[in-house]
Amino acid sequence: MKKKGKPMRNQKLTPIIAGRTVKHTKQTDGVLQIEFNDGSAMKIKTGAAFTDSIVGRTVKAVRQQATEFDLDFTDGTSAKITLAEETSSVMLRDHKGAMEYAD
């Protein structure tokens, strides 16, 4: 039985992207692409449209529970993203295209 409430911190992804600043976002055909200032990019398969403006914000932490994926920023704001599925929805590649994270 899964616990309801606030999503738990993603202990694997948080240390990888904490401190990265969002440069650009684009959503196409159920995929949200977030490009960071360091050239890395995260692709997220979404289950709903994402309309928040997160450009210029720096990631502090990632929280995740079931299909809820939250990005917390250093300015105290958060963005809630609905994943298409509980797993196999998030992929992060560095500026050279090498895989940094996938679930």
Protein backbone atom coordinates (compact mmCIF):
# COMPACT_ATOMS: atom_id res chain seq x y z
CA MET A 1 0.00 0.00 0.00
CA LYS A 2 1.43 3.36 -1.01
CA LYS A 3 1.54 6.24 1.41
CA LYS A 4 -0.38 9.35 0.37
CA GLY A 5 0.83 12.83 1.05
CA LYS A 6 3.89 14.84 0.11
CA PRO A 7 6.15 13.11 -2.42
CA MET A 8 9.47 11.85 -1.10
CA ARG A 9 12.81 13.29 -2.17
CA ASN A 10 14.32 11.45 -5.14
CA GLN A 11 17.67 10.55 -3.57
CA LYS A 12 19.28 9.51 -6.87
CA LEU A 13 18.28 12.43 -9.11
CA THR A 14 18.46 15.31 -6.61
CA PRO A 15 22.27 15.28 -6.16
CA ILE A 16 22.75 15.08 -9.93
CA ILE A 17 20.67 18.13 -10.94
CA ALA A 18 20.72 20.27 -7.79
CA GLY A 19 22.30 23.61 -8.68
CA ARG A 20 21.43 23.44 -12.38
CA THR A 21 19.47 26.36 -13.81
CA VAL A 22 16.67 25.91 -16.35
CA LYS A 23 17.56 27.55 -19.67
CA HIS A 24 14.65 26.42 -21.85
CA THR A 25 11.58 24.18 -21.77
CA LYS A 26 9.55 22.66 -24.58
CA GLN A 27 6.62 20.25 -24.56
CA THR A 28 5.81 18.20 -27.64
CA ASP A 29 3.66 15.08 -28.02
CA GLY A 30 3.57 14.21 -24.31
CA VAL A 31 7.27 14.85 -23.70
CA LEU A 32 8.54 17.78 -21.65
CA GLN A 33 12.14 18.67 -22.42
CA ILE A 34 14.04 20.78 -19.91
CA GLU A 35 17.39 22.17 -21.04
CA PHE A 36 19.78 23.41 -18.37
CA ASN A 37 22.43 26.15 -18.60
CA ASP A 38 25.23 23.55 -18.50
CA GLY A 39 23.93 21.99 -21.73
CA SER A 40 22.37 18.94 -20.09
CA ALA A 41 18.78 18.01 -20.92
CA MET A 42 16.04 16.11 -19.13
CA LYS A 43 13.17 14.48 -21.00
CA ILE A 44 10.03 13.69 -19.07
CA LYS A 45 7.11 11.68 -20.47
CA THR A 46 4.10 13.55 -19.15
CA GLY A 47 0.54 12.54 -18.44
CA ALA A 48 -0.76 16.12 -18.57
CA ALA A 49 0.19 19.45 -20.10
CA PHE A 50 2.87 21.37 -18.22
CA THR A 51 2.33 25.13 -18.32
CA ASP A 52 4.49 26.49 -15.47
CA SER A 53 7.24 28.95 -16.35
CA ILE A 54 10.43 27.60 -14.78
CA VAL A 55 13.05 29.21 -17.03
CA GLY A 56 15.78 30.91 -14.99
CA ARG A 57 15.06 28.91 -11.83
CA THR A 58 17.76 26.83 -10.15
CA VAL A 59 16.93 23.30 -8.98
CA LYS A 60 17.21 22.62 -5.26
CA ALA A 61 15.62 19.15 -5.06
CA VAL A 62 13.43 16.61 -6.82
CA ARG A 63 10.50 14.90 -5.10
CA GLN A 64 8.60 11.99 -6.59
CA GLN A 65 5.68 9.74 -5.65
CA ALA A 66 3.74 7.59 -8.09
CA THR A 67 3.07 9.85 -11.11
CA GLU A 68 3.79 13.11 -9.27
CA PHE A 69 7.22 14.60 -10.03
CA ASP A 70 8.04 17.87 -8.27
CA LEU A 71 10.97 20.17 -8.94
CA ASP A 72 11.82 22.41 -5.98
CA PHE A 73 13.81 25.56 -6.73
CA THR A 74 16.23 27.64 -4.69
CA ASP A 75 13.81 30.61 -4.76
CA GLY A 76 11.30 28.58 -2.71
CA THR A 77 8.96 27.78 -5.60
CA SER A 78 8.02 24.33 -6.89
CA ALA A 79 6.73 22.92 -10.16
CA LYS A 80 4.49 19.85 -10.23
CA ILE A 81 4.79 17.60 -13.28
CA THR A 82 2.45 14.66 -13.90
CA LEU A 83 4.34 11.67 -15.27
CA ALA A 84 2.89 9.39 -17.94
CA GLU A 85 3.84 6.36 -15.81
CA GLU A 86 5.36 5.75 -12.38
CA THR A 87 8.58 4.47 -13.96
CA SER A 88 10.35 4.86 -17.31
CA SER A 89 9.33 8.50 -17.59
CA VAL A 90 12.46 10.52 -16.76
CA MET A 91 15.78 10.59 -18.62
CA LEU A 92 18.70 12.98 -18.12
CA ARG A 93 21.68 13.37 -20.46
CA ASP A 94 24.74 15.55 -19.94
CA HIS A 95 25.96 18.19 -22.41
CA LYS A 96 27.74 15.50 -24.46
CA GLY A 97 24.63 13.29 -24.65
CA ALA A 98 25.85 10.71 -22.12
CA MET A 99 23.17 9.20 -19.89
CA GLU A 100 23.24 10.62 -16.35
CA TYR A 101 19.93 9.29 -15.03
CA ALA A 102 16.98 7.20 -16.21
CA ASP A 103 14.01 5.68 -14.43
